[in-house]
Amino acid sequence: MNCCLLVYLLFLILAKWKLASRAAVITLNGSIGGGILGIAYSYIRDAEILDVPTFVTGVRGGLVSVTGICALARPWEGLVIGVFGGLFACLLSDAMIKLKIDDPVNCVSTHAGSGVWGMIAVALFVEQEKAEGFAEEKGLFKVRCSITVYLCRDCFYLVLSVADLGEGPGGPAPPPYFR
């Protein structure tokens, strides 16, 4: 066997184990974040009484929301994603109870609320990873400069389109994408 091929195969094996261990840590962090949120949510909602189904909904919401990005995020981001996933699951569960929609194990609220947040979280938090070819681009929170430039430009155009700068009866024409 060629020495370069052996080194390349060793690199691939180590890269997969690195991604697998990273996925395990981030998945655990997502469940911890959802569980912490579930405890806090039930204590606030139920006057300092732990509601176990709300706690479990928070844990499952954190797990569902972090599943799509578990190998491509940082550990602290897994915790944040899990907290918001648990929040969306608990809020949607309470909304479904108030609307009298029967969902005894909260699977709709867990997978709908947390799943949508999980898809958004992938676009926001994804880490660039080229070894396995999962993600060649960075998430929106990782590309700070271009986001700031685009937000400033769009706010400037919005102010120009709303403000009357004295150029005729209607002010200046808005940019083409605001028409």
Foldseek 3Di string as FASTA:
>chain_A
DDPVVVVLVVVLVVVVVLLVVQLVLLLVLLLVLLLVLLQVVCCVVVVHDRDVLSSVLSSLQSNLLCNVQSSFAGNVLSSVLSNQSSVQLSVVVVVCVVVVNDDPNSPCSSCVRSVVSSVVSCQAGGHDDPSVDPHNDGHPVVPPPVVVVVVVVVVVLVCQQPDAPPPPDRHDHGPPVVD
